[in-house]
Protein backbone atom coordinates (compact mmCIF):
# COMPACT_ATOMS: atom_id res chain seq x y z
CA MET A 1 17.77 -37.27 -3.71
CA ILE A 2 14.23 -35.60 -2.48
CA TRP A 3 14.93 -33.28 -5.99
CA GLN A 4 15.37 -36.79 -8.17
CA GLU A 5 12.50 -37.99 -7.32
CA ILE A 6 10.46 -35.09 -7.88
CA GLU A 7 12.23 -34.35 -10.89
CA LYS A 8 11.42 -37.88 -12.27
CA GLU A 9 7.49 -37.47 -11.11
CA LEU A 10 7.71 -34.11 -13.32
CA GLU A 11 9.69 -35.82 -16.39
CA ARG A 12 6.55 -38.38 -16.61
CA ARG A 13 4.01 -35.23 -15.94
CA LYS A 14 5.32 -34.29 -19.43
CA LEU A 15 4.87 -30.76 -18.58
CA PRO A 16 4.72 -28.38 -21.03
CA GLU A 17 8.41 -25.94 -21.50
CA LEU A 18 7.89 -22.82 -19.01
CA LEU A 19 11.81 -21.63 -20.01
CA LEU A 20 11.65 -22.18 -23.90
CA PHE A 21 10.42 -19.55 -26.56
CA PRO A 22 7.84 -20.59 -29.32
CA ASP A 23 10.84 -20.68 -31.54
CA GLY A 24 12.76 -23.19 -29.59
CA SER A 25 15.29 -20.77 -27.53
CA LYS A 26 16.21 -20.93 -24.07
CA VAL A 27 15.24 -18.25 -21.43
CA LYS A 28 18.67 -17.64 -20.27
CA SER A 29 18.17 -14.09 -18.22
CA ALA A 30 15.61 -11.78 -16.30
CA GLU A 31 15.45 -9.62 -19.84
CA ASP A 32 14.61 -13.25 -21.25
CA TRP A 33 11.77 -14.08 -18.69
CA GLU A 34 10.57 -10.86 -19.33
CA LYS A 35 9.43 -11.24 -22.92
CA ARG A 36 8.34 -15.24 -21.76
CA LYS A 37 6.19 -13.51 -19.26
CA GLY A 38 3.91 -11.75 -21.69
CA GLN A 39 3.59 -14.49 -23.97
CA ILE A 40 2.79 -16.79 -21.03
CA ARG A 41 -0.16 -14.50 -19.82
CA GLU A 42 -1.21 -14.18 -23.54
CA ILE A 43 -1.93 -18.20 -23.37
CA LEU A 44 -3.36 -17.96 -19.90
CA PHE A 45 -5.36 -15.47 -21.18
CA ARG A 46 -6.79 -16.91 -24.35
CA GLU A 47 -7.17 -20.35 -22.97
CA PHE A 48 -7.60 -20.19 -19.74
CA ALA A 49 -8.87 -17.05 -17.18
CA GLY A 50 -10.42 -14.87 -20.32
CA PHE A 51 -9.09 -11.53 -21.11
CA SER A 52 -9.53 -8.86 -18.75
CA PRO A 53 -10.18 -4.72 -19.55
CA ALA A 54 -7.40 -2.30 -19.10
CA PHE A 55 -6.83 -1.03 -15.82
CA PRO A 56 -8.88 2.00 -15.58
CA VAL A 57 -7.10 5.15 -14.91
CA VAL A 58 -8.90 6.49 -11.79
CA THR A 59 -10.19 4.09 -8.33
CA LYS A 60 -11.83 6.41 -6.31
CA GLY A 61 -12.90 5.05 -2.59
CA GLU A 62 -15.26 6.68 0.20
CA VAL A 63 -14.84 6.18 3.61
CA GLY A 64 -18.34 4.94 4.51
CA VAL A 65 -17.89 3.48 8.31
CA ARG A 66 -15.79 4.19 10.56
CA ASP A 67 -15.25 2.47 13.86
CA GLU A 68 -12.40 3.18 16.34
CA ASN A 69 -12.71 0.10 18.31
CA ALA A 70 -12.96 -2.67 16.26
CA TYR A 71 -11.28 -5.73 17.94
CA GLY A 72 -11.79 -4.31 21.56
CA GLY A 73 -10.67 -1.05 20.33
CA LYS A 74 -7.26 -2.73 18.71
CA ALA A 75 -7.68 -1.31 15.03
CA VAL A 76 -9.63 1.29 13.30
CA ARG A 77 -12.61 -0.48 10.45
CA GLU A 78 -13.49 1.21 7.84
CA LYS A 79 -16.11 0.25 5.28
CA ILE A 80 -15.01 1.41 1.95
CA LEU A 81 -17.18 2.33 -1.23
CA LEU A 82 -14.58 1.75 -4.10
CA SER A 83 -15.78 2.84 -7.51
CA PHE A 84 -14.40 2.47 -11.27
CA ARG A 85 -14.68 3.15 -14.33
CA THR A 86 -15.20 0.29 -16.98
CA PRO A 87 -16.17 0.22 -20.60
CA PHE A 88 -20.06 1.11 -20.23
CA ASN A 89 -20.26 3.28 -17.14
CA ALA A 90 -18.82 2.83 -13.35
CA PHE A 91 -18.89 -0.02 -11.10
CA ALA A 92 -18.87 -0.17 -6.98
CA PHE A 93 -18.35 -2.45 -4.37
CA SER A 94 -17.73 -2.25 -0.90
CA PHE A 95 -14.90 -3.70 1.27
CA GLU A 96 -13.50 -3.50 4.60
CA LEU A 97 -10.12 -2.32 5.94
CA PHE A 98 -8.44 -2.89 8.97
CA VAL A 99 -5.50 -0.75 10.75
CA PRO A 100 -3.91 -1.78 14.08
CA LYS A 101 -3.45 0.72 16.38
CA ARG A 102 -0.37 -1.00 17.93
CA GLY A 103 2.18 -2.27 17.17
CA GLU A 104 5.69 -1.18 15.40
CA LYS A 105 5.66 2.70 14.28
CA GLY A 106 5.77 3.56 10.39
CA LYS A 107 3.39 1.94 7.36
CA LYS A 108 1.94 -1.17 7.98
CA PRO A 109 1.97 -4.40 5.69
CA LEU A 110 -1.18 -5.65 4.76
CA PHE A 111 -3.44 -8.46 4.00
CA LEU A 112 -5.77 -8.11 0.96
CA TYR A 113 -8.19 -11.11 1.40
CA LEU A 114 -10.92 -12.36 -1.28
CA GLY A 115 -13.82 -13.88 1.29
CA PHE A 116 -16.71 -16.13 1.18
CA THR A 117 -18.88 -13.28 3.76
CA GLN A 118 -19.06 -9.73 4.34
CA THR A 119 -16.68 -9.20 7.49
CA PRO A 120 -13.89 -11.57 8.47
CA ALA A 121 -15.90 -13.87 10.75
CA ASP A 122 -14.15 -16.95 8.55
CA GLY A 123 -10.68 -15.78 9.61
CA PRO A 124 -8.39 -14.95 12.74
CA GLY A 125 -8.71 -11.12 12.06
CA GLU A 126 -8.18 -10.23 15.71
CA GLU A 127 -4.98 -12.46 15.18
CA ILE A 128 -3.96 -10.29 11.75
CA ILE A 129 -3.88 -7.06 14.16
CA ASP A 130 -2.46 -8.76 16.59
CA ASN A 131 1.00 -9.10 14.72
CA GLY A 132 0.82 -5.50 13.16
CA PHE A 133 -0.89 -6.57 9.52
CA ALA A 134 -3.84 -4.61 8.08
CA LEU A 135 -6.43 -6.36 6.42
CA ALA A 136 -8.30 -5.71 3.87
CA HIS A 137 -11.64 -7.95 3.59
CA ILE A 138 -13.61 -8.12 0.35
CA SER A 139 -16.60 -10.51 -0.68
CA TYR A 140 -16.50 -11.56 -4.06
CA GLN A 141 -19.91 -11.71 -4.51
CA GLU A 142 -19.80 -7.64 -3.57
CA ILE A 143 -17.71 -7.76 -7.53
CA ALA A 144 -19.40 -10.30 -9.47
CA PRO A 145 -21.87 -12.96 -7.92
CA ASP A 146 -20.70 -17.05 -7.99
CA LYS A 147 -23.02 -18.36 -9.92
CA ASN A 148 -23.79 -19.48 -14.28
CA ASP A 149 -26.23 -16.01 -14.37
CA SER A 150 -25.34 -15.23 -18.08
CA PHE A 151 -22.93 -12.68 -16.40
CA ALA A 152 -26.03 -10.36 -16.42
CA ASN A 153 -25.05 -9.43 -12.36
CA GLY A 154 -22.44 -7.74 -10.88
CA LEU A 155 -19.24 -6.61 -12.76
CA GLY A 156 -19.64 -8.87 -15.48
CA THR A 157 -22.62 -6.66 -17.10
CA PHE A 158 -20.26 -3.23 -17.93
CA CYS A 159 -17.71 -4.98 -20.56
CA THR A 160 -18.55 -6.77 -24.12
CA ARG A 161 -18.35 -10.39 -23.81
CA ASN A 162 -17.15 -13.50 -26.39
CA PRO A 163 -18.28 -16.84 -25.61
CA TYR A 164 -14.29 -17.64 -26.30
CA ASP A 165 -11.58 -15.48 -24.64
CA SER A 166 -13.49 -13.16 -22.50
CA TRP A 167 -13.22 -13.49 -18.79
CA GLY A 168 -14.46 -15.79 -16.34
CA LYS A 169 -15.35 -14.56 -13.07
CA LEU A 170 -12.16 -15.90 -11.44
CA GLY A 171 -10.54 -13.21 -13.54
CA MET A 172 -13.39 -10.60 -12.49
CA TRP A 173 -12.86 -11.19 -8.95
CA ALA A 174 -8.43 -10.88 -9.37
CA TYR A 175 -9.64 -7.71 -10.83
CA GLY A 176 -11.67 -5.99 -8.25
CA ALA A 177 -8.69 -7.06 -5.73
CA SER A 178 -6.63 -4.87 -8.31
CA ARG A 179 -8.85 -1.96 -8.26
CA ALA A 180 -9.01 -2.52 -4.71
CA ALA A 181 -5.09 -2.19 -4.37
CA ASP A 182 -5.37 0.48 -6.29
CA TYR A 183 -6.96 2.52 -3.60
CA LEU A 184 -5.01 1.12 -0.48
CA CYS A 185 -1.87 1.77 -2.73
CA GLY A 186 -2.71 5.37 -1.84
CA ARG A 187 -3.46 4.93 1.81
CA PRO A 188 -0.50 6.91 4.09
CA GLU A 189 -0.98 4.29 7.03
CA LEU A 190 0.09 0.90 4.38
CA ASP A 191 3.01 0.12 3.30
CA ALA A 192 2.32 -0.47 -0.51
CA GLY A 193 5.19 -2.34 -1.10
CA ARG A 194 4.00 -5.39 1.26
CA MET A 195 1.13 -6.01 -0.08
CA ALA A 196 -0.12 -9.98 0.07
CA VAL A 197 -3.23 -10.90 -1.68
CA MET A 198 -4.69 -13.93 0.01
CA GLY A 199 -7.42 -16.43 -0.76
CA HIS A 200 -9.32 -19.58 -0.13
CA SER A 201 -10.21 -22.83 -2.63
CA ARG A 202 -11.68 -20.93 -5.42
CA LEU A 203 -11.00 -17.75 -4.31
CA GLY A 204 -7.14 -19.34 -3.94
CA LYS A 205 -7.33 -19.83 -7.75
CA ALA A 206 -8.49 -15.55 -7.83
CA ALA A 207 -5.80 -14.95 -5.89
CA LEU A 208 -3.31 -16.59 -7.84
CA LEU A 209 -4.57 -14.90 -10.68
CA CYS A 210 -4.64 -11.56 -9.61
CA GLY A 211 -0.96 -12.14 -8.08
CA ALA A 212 0.21 -13.52 -11.33
CA MET A 213 -0.98 -10.52 -13.10
CA ASP A 214 -0.58 -7.40 -10.89
CA GLU A 215 2.61 -7.02 -9.80
CA ARG A 216 2.17 -4.04 -6.99
CA PHE A 217 1.26 -7.32 -4.74
CA SER A 218 4.97 -8.62 -3.15
CA LEU A 219 3.58 -11.95 -2.31
CA THR A 220 0.91 -14.11 -3.29
CA VAL A 221 -1.12 -17.06 -0.82
CA SER A 222 -3.09 -19.84 -2.25
CA ASN A 223 -4.72 -21.94 0.59
CA ASP A 224 -6.07 -25.74 -0.90
CA SER A 225 -6.96 -24.28 -4.59
CA GLY A 226 -6.59 -27.20 -6.24
CA ALA A 227 -7.38 -27.35 -9.88
CA GLY A 228 -7.10 -24.36 -11.49
CA GLY A 229 -5.28 -22.90 -8.52
CA ALA A 230 -1.69 -24.34 -8.09
CA ALA A 231 -2.71 -28.11 -8.67
CA LEU A 232 -0.88 -29.34 -11.96
CA PHE A 233 -3.53 -30.42 -14.04
CA ARG A 234 -1.28 -33.08 -15.98
CA GLY A 235 -1.42 -36.44 -13.54
CA LYS A 236 -3.67 -35.26 -11.06
CA CYS A 237 -5.89 -36.93 -8.94
CA GLY A 238 -9.41 -35.63 -7.92
CA GLU A 239 -10.91 -32.74 -8.96
CA ARG A 240 -10.50 -32.62 -12.78
CA ILE A 241 -11.03 -29.86 -16.26
CA SER A 242 -14.58 -32.10 -16.96
CA ASP A 243 -15.32 -31.09 -13.22
CA LEU A 244 -14.93 -27.79 -12.99
CA THR A 245 -16.49 -26.91 -16.38
CA GLY A 246 -19.41 -29.26 -16.84
CA ASN A 247 -21.43 -28.07 -14.39
CA ALA A 248 -21.56 -24.73 -11.99
CA CYS A 249 -18.06 -23.99 -12.22
CA ALA A 250 -18.41 -23.20 -15.60
CA HIS A 251 -18.65 -19.49 -15.27
CA TRP A 252 -15.06 -19.19 -13.59
CA PHE A 253 -13.41 -19.66 -16.73
CA CYS A 254 -12.94 -18.44 -20.39
CA GLY A 255 -15.41 -20.52 -22.97
CA ASN A 256 -11.76 -21.95 -24.45
CA PHE A 257 -11.23 -23.77 -21.65
CA ALA A 258 -13.77 -26.01 -21.56
CA SER A 259 -12.67 -27.61 -24.92
CA TYR A 260 -10.11 -29.11 -22.93
CA ALA A 261 -12.25 -31.30 -20.28
CA GLY A 262 -10.53 -34.98 -20.95
CA ARG A 263 -8.11 -33.45 -23.08
CA GLU A 264 -5.36 -32.06 -20.18
CA GLU A 265 -2.25 -33.14 -21.87
CA GLU A 266 -3.27 -31.18 -24.70
CA LEU A 267 -3.06 -27.54 -22.57
CA PRO A 268 -0.41 -25.09 -23.87
CA PHE A 269 0.08 -24.73 -20.32
CA ASP A 270 -0.27 -25.96 -17.29
CA GLN A 271 -0.12 -25.12 -13.75
CA HIS A 272 3.47 -24.09 -12.63
CA PHE A 273 2.53 -21.20 -15.46
CA LEU A 274 0.64 -19.30 -13.29
CA LEU A 275 2.64 -19.71 -9.91
CA ALA A 276 5.99 -18.65 -12.31
CA LEU A 277 4.31 -15.53 -12.94
CA THR A 278 4.66 -14.37 -9.47
CA ALA A 279 8.52 -14.31 -9.88
CA PRO A 280 10.68 -13.03 -8.64
CA ARG A 281 8.77 -11.86 -5.48
CA TYR A 282 7.20 -14.57 -3.08
CA LEU A 283 4.72 -17.22 -3.71
CA TYR A 284 2.78 -19.07 -0.82
CA VAL A 285 0.96 -22.65 -1.45
CA ALA A 286 -0.92 -24.45 1.24
CA SER A 287 -2.49 -27.45 0.94
CA ALA A 288 -4.65 -30.14 3.41
CA SER A 289 -3.43 -33.91 3.45
CA GLU A 290 -7.03 -34.99 3.16
CA ASP A 291 -7.65 -33.04 0.43
CA SER A 292 -8.21 -35.54 -2.61
CA TRP A 293 -10.40 -33.54 -4.70
CA ALA A 294 -7.25 -30.10 -4.94
CA ASP A 295 -4.67 -33.36 -4.40
CA PRO A 296 -1.95 -31.47 -2.83
CA MET A 297 1.06 -33.24 -4.46
CA SER A 298 0.22 -31.68 -7.95
CA GLU A 299 -0.50 -28.31 -5.65
CA PHE A 300 3.21 -29.14 -4.43
CA LEU A 301 5.03 -30.47 -7.75
CA SER A 302 3.49 -27.19 -9.23
CA CYS A 303 5.48 -25.02 -6.97
CA ALA A 304 8.53 -27.50 -8.00
CA ALA A 305 7.84 -26.89 -11.83
CA ALA A 306 7.32 -23.52 -11.12
CA SER A 307 10.87 -22.64 -9.30
CA PRO A 308 13.66 -22.82 -11.89
CA VAL A 309 12.19 -19.22 -12.96
CA PHE A 310 13.36 -17.43 -9.91
CA GLU A 311 16.92 -18.90 -10.48
CA ILE A 312 16.40 -16.51 -13.52
CA CYS A 313 15.29 -13.78 -11.71
CA GLY A 314 16.90 -13.65 -8.64
CA SER A 315 15.13 -11.74 -5.30
CA GLN A 316 13.47 -8.71 -6.35
CA ARG A 317 13.86 -7.27 -3.18
CA GLY A 318 17.38 -7.92 -2.78
CA ASP A 319 17.03 -9.34 0.74
CA ALA A 320 20.22 -11.46 0.42
CA VAL A 321 22.11 -9.21 -0.76
CA GLU A 322 21.45 -7.06 2.10
CA ALA A 323 22.06 -9.35 4.11
CA ALA A 324 25.08 -10.61 3.02
CA LYS A 325 26.86 -6.41 2.37
CA GLY A 326 25.48 -5.68 5.97
CA GLN A 327 26.68 -8.10 7.92
CA VAL A 328 29.65 -9.83 6.43
CA ALA A 329 31.29 -7.43 3.97
CA SER A 330 31.40 -5.12 6.65
CA ALA A 331 31.68 -6.61 9.40
CA VAL A 332 35.21 -9.21 7.95
CA ALA A 333 36.36 -6.34 5.70
CA GLU A 334 36.63 -3.78 8.66
CA ALA A 335 38.33 -6.06 11.35
CA ALA A 336 40.72 -6.67 8.23
CA LYS A 337 41.40 -2.86 8.64
CA SER A 338 41.91 -2.44 11.72
CA ARG A 339 42.82 -5.07 13.90
CA GLY A 340 44.47 -7.13 11.92
CA ALA A 341 44.29 -10.99 11.11
CA SER A 342 43.44 -12.68 13.84
CA ALA A 343 40.13 -10.82 14.30
CA VAL A 344 39.33 -11.82 10.46
CA ALA A 345 39.05 -15.22 11.72
CA GLU A 346 36.80 -14.06 14.47
CA ALA A 347 34.84 -12.24 12.48
CA ALA A 348 34.63 -15.21 10.14
CA LYS A 349 33.66 -17.81 12.75
CA SER A 350 30.80 -15.22 14.51
CA GLN A 351 29.23 -13.38 11.13
CA VAL A 352 30.45 -15.41 8.21
CA ALA A 353 28.55 -18.39 8.90
CA SER A 354 25.22 -17.63 10.18
CA ALA A 355 24.61 -14.16 7.65
CA ALA A 356 26.03 -16.55 4.99
CA ALA A 357 23.90 -19.21 5.70
CA GLU A 358 20.82 -16.87 6.06
CA ALA A 359 21.54 -15.34 3.00
CA ALA A 360 22.19 -18.49 1.46
CA LYS A 361 18.88 -20.29 2.46
CA SER A 362 16.90 -17.60 0.58
CA ARG A 363 19.13 -16.66 -2.62
CA GLY A 364 21.74 -19.36 -2.60
CA ALA A 365 25.59 -19.71 -2.32
CA SER A 366 26.50 -17.35 -5.81
CA ALA A 367 24.28 -14.40 -4.89
CA VAL A 368 25.60 -14.01 -1.43
CA ALA A 369 29.33 -14.60 -3.07
CA GLU A 370 28.32 -11.89 -5.48
CA ALA A 371 26.91 -9.32 -2.67
CA ALA A 372 30.19 -10.10 -0.35
CA LYS A 373 32.77 -9.22 -3.68
CA SER A 374 30.72 -5.91 -4.00
CA GLN A 375 31.80 -4.76 -0.52
CA GLY A 376 35.49 -5.62 -1.31
CA ALA A 377 34.99 -8.52 0.66
CA SER A 378 36.43 -11.24 -1.11
CA ALA A 379 37.51 -13.98 1.66
CA ALA A 380 33.42 -14.37 3.27
CA ALA A 381 32.00 -13.91 -0.22
CA GLU A 382 34.37 -17.18 -1.19
CA VAL A 383 33.41 -18.93 2.26
CA ALA A 384 29.53 -18.36 1.63
CA GLY A 385 29.85 -19.53 -1.91
CA SER A 386 30.91 -22.52 -0.05
CA ARG A 387 33.79 -23.52 -2.67
CA GLY A 388 35.79 -25.88 0.01
CA GLU A 389 38.69 -25.08 3.10
CA SER A 390 41.15 -24.66 0.39
CA SER A 391 39.53 -22.15 -1.91
CA ALA A 392 38.62 -20.31 1.17
CA ALA A 393 41.85 -20.22 2.58
CA GLU A 394 43.44 -18.56 -0.87
CA ALA A 395 40.83 -16.34 -0.76
CA VAL A 396 41.75 -14.80 2.59
CA ARG A 397 45.58 -14.87 1.06
CA SER A 398 44.60 -13.29 -2.24
CA GLN A 399 43.59 -10.39 0.60
CA GLY A 400 47.29 -9.98 2.17
CA VAL A 401 45.91 -11.31 5.17
CA SER A 402 48.11 -14.05 5.27
CA ALA A 403 48.00 -14.49 8.83
CA ALA A 404 44.55 -15.42 9.19
CA ASP A 405 43.17 -18.06 10.63
CA GLU A 406 42.62 -20.47 7.52
CA ASN A 407 41.65 -23.15 9.77
CA ALA A 408 38.90 -21.29 11.52
CA VAL A 409 37.62 -19.45 8.06
CA GLY A 410 37.25 -23.51 6.33
CA GLN A 411 35.62 -24.92 9.10
CA HIS A 412 32.49 -22.28 9.35
CA LYS A 413 32.04 -22.11 5.63
CA SER A 414 29.83 -25.44 6.83
CA SER A 415 27.18 -23.63 8.25
CA ALA A 416 26.86 -21.74 4.24
CA SER A 417 27.33 -25.35 2.87
CA GLU A 418 25.21 -27.18 4.91
CA ALA A 419 22.35 -24.48 4.01
CA CYS A 420 22.91 -25.37 0.19
CA VAL A 421 22.97 -29.25 0.28
CA THR A 422 19.18 -29.86 0.01
CA GLN A 423 18.88 -26.82 -2.10
CA TYR A 424 17.64 -27.61 -5.46
CA PRO A 425 19.64 -25.12 -8.30
CA CYS A 426 16.73 -22.63 -8.04
CA ARG A 427 15.79 -19.79 -5.83
CA GLY A 428 11.88 -20.79 -5.25
CA LEU A 429 11.34 -23.99 -3.35
CA VAL A 430 14.19 -24.38 -0.98
CA LEU A 431 13.57 -27.99 0.73
CA GLU A 432 14.85 -29.04 3.97
CA GLY A 433 15.52 -32.03 5.17
CA ALA A 434 14.11 -32.02 8.64
CA ALA A 435 10.50 -31.08 6.85
CA TRP A 436 10.31 -34.83 6.22
CA GLU A 437 11.05 -35.72 9.88
CA GLY A 438 8.34 -36.55 12.62
CA GLY A 439 4.87 -36.76 11.97
CA MET A 440 3.55 -39.05 9.59
CA PRO A 441 4.90 -39.12 5.96
CA PHE A 442 2.00 -38.72 3.47
CA LEU A 443 2.70 -41.12 1.00
CA ILE A 444 0.94 -40.51 -2.38
CA GLU A 445 2.32 -42.24 -5.40
CA LYS A 446 5.79 -43.59 -6.54
CA GLY A 447 7.08 -43.40 -2.68
CA LEU A 448 6.98 -39.75 -3.38
CA GLU A 449 6.62 -38.26 -0.05
CA LEU A 450 5.03 -34.53 1.29
CA PRO A 451 6.97 -32.28 3.67
CA VAL A 452 5.56 -32.78 7.08
CA LYS A 453 6.64 -29.42 8.37
CA PRO A 454 6.24 -25.84 6.11
CA LEU A 455 8.66 -24.95 3.85
CA HIS A 456 9.79 -21.46 4.53
CA GLU A 457 13.42 -20.76 2.87
CA GLY A 458 12.95 -19.82 -0.93
CA HIS A 459 10.66 -17.75 -2.15
CA ILE A 460 8.00 -20.07 -2.63
CA GLY A 461 6.65 -21.17 0.92
CA TYR A 462 4.90 -24.29 0.92
CA HIS A 463 2.65 -25.59 3.93
CA LEU A 464 0.72 -29.19 3.97
CA ARG A 465 -1.39 -29.03 7.18
CA GLN A 466 -3.06 -32.28 8.14
CA GLY A 467 -6.99 -32.51 8.07
CA THR A 468 -9.31 -31.66 5.53
CA HIS A 469 -9.87 -28.43 3.16
CA HIS A 470 -10.36 -25.50 4.94
CA LEU A 471 -8.75 -21.98 6.23
CA GLY A 472 -7.91 -22.47 9.37
CA ARG A 473 -5.68 -20.26 11.71
CA GLU A 474 -2.92 -22.51 11.80
CA ASP A 475 -2.37 -21.45 8.06
CA TRP A 476 -2.75 -17.98 8.67
CA GLN A 477 -0.05 -18.07 11.07
CA HIS A 478 2.17 -20.25 8.82
CA VAL A 479 1.57 -17.40 6.56
CA MET A 480 2.58 -14.70 9.26
CA GLU A 481 5.74 -16.15 9.66
CA PHE A 482 6.35 -16.28 6.32
CA ARG A 483 5.96 -12.32 5.66
CA ARG A 484 7.82 -12.03 9.15
CA LYS A 485 11.08 -14.27 8.09
CA HIS A 486 11.01 -12.52 4.84
CA GLU A 487 9.61 -8.91 5.33
CA ILE A 488 7.38 -8.68 3.18
């Protein structure tokens, strides 16, 4: 019922087709999406963000200041001067890196945070360290000043521009974050496969652009990014394109974008295009209930509209596949070999339901089934696939385990089935009914409600915080919970 209402609203907004090639053919596979993704990037560069220069061959970083006692001795703080070549000359800016001393052994997952200040004063840096994450904090003004200065300062002075499709400041801030990633990927104490880029408000827009274009980031986090960020333009309340391009914000975008002021319905894209470019990696969008200027409903609907891409792409990291292999298949198949039919039933009770349910939440039942099949555990696969009691029993029989407790197998398939019952046929945004229970629902339009609890099960995470436009500790905590859940 929830998804039916969402789909009705998306149809009403008449969004451009995300999974349709210009010739009218449909995107049907991950390979197709790779081709379509290139077309979408071209559109976004030309009409929205502007084209960025090619990535430099070499990015260099020098540690200028090192403090072994940051946050009361919990972390090592370094101030790093980063430099790289541009078409005209070398450009340099500095940022701070905090690496926890304690916690789990091995390489640390990282937050790369685009911030408004020189130091992490506007974020709970110590809590991030306490949770075992490293933090790279970049002041966006170091990359390019946030003013309409005709690009006479910062990174904008190091490249040729035209008034139509050359990059704006959002692109420059995103580009600077990627150059920091060049350096951070080479730090031996950091896990280059578990980097997240994050920003708030206008820097949430920049973080989305960075994560969409730079596939080294396993997670992209946008907080209250609104228009030009996570929110759809079509049907949006609050800030519109005319607000973005008619005042001091015009320098954030390329020149072509201003031509769509008052003509949002004529855009050849909408912001679900930008969100979808993170697939099959992870995306987290946070909204504020009282932030009508950003319009949380349009941010949520954008996540929903981007979500079908994940059905096509699947999970790049294969978290659920590994869970199915390690827990479902080995437990059930091994039991069948060594202990006979009754052990299979017990294994199904204790292992299949919980493992398949978890996997089904994050990847969907079909992926679990395929993973289990690949391990020779068809019975567990069919249970996880939620095909019903008789199908599960038949699958057990087909493996020669005729004496198995078929009723137990059939009964315990319900965990996986229930995990999928509110799931849209995609692996992006997974809706749980409980997310709408408790607290006051936020009725926006036509009876459509936003969830009052975080949605953390799918590859797209969403959280609606009660309050106004800001980034607080609660937001960071939810993002860290999402990262721990998905091990990213």
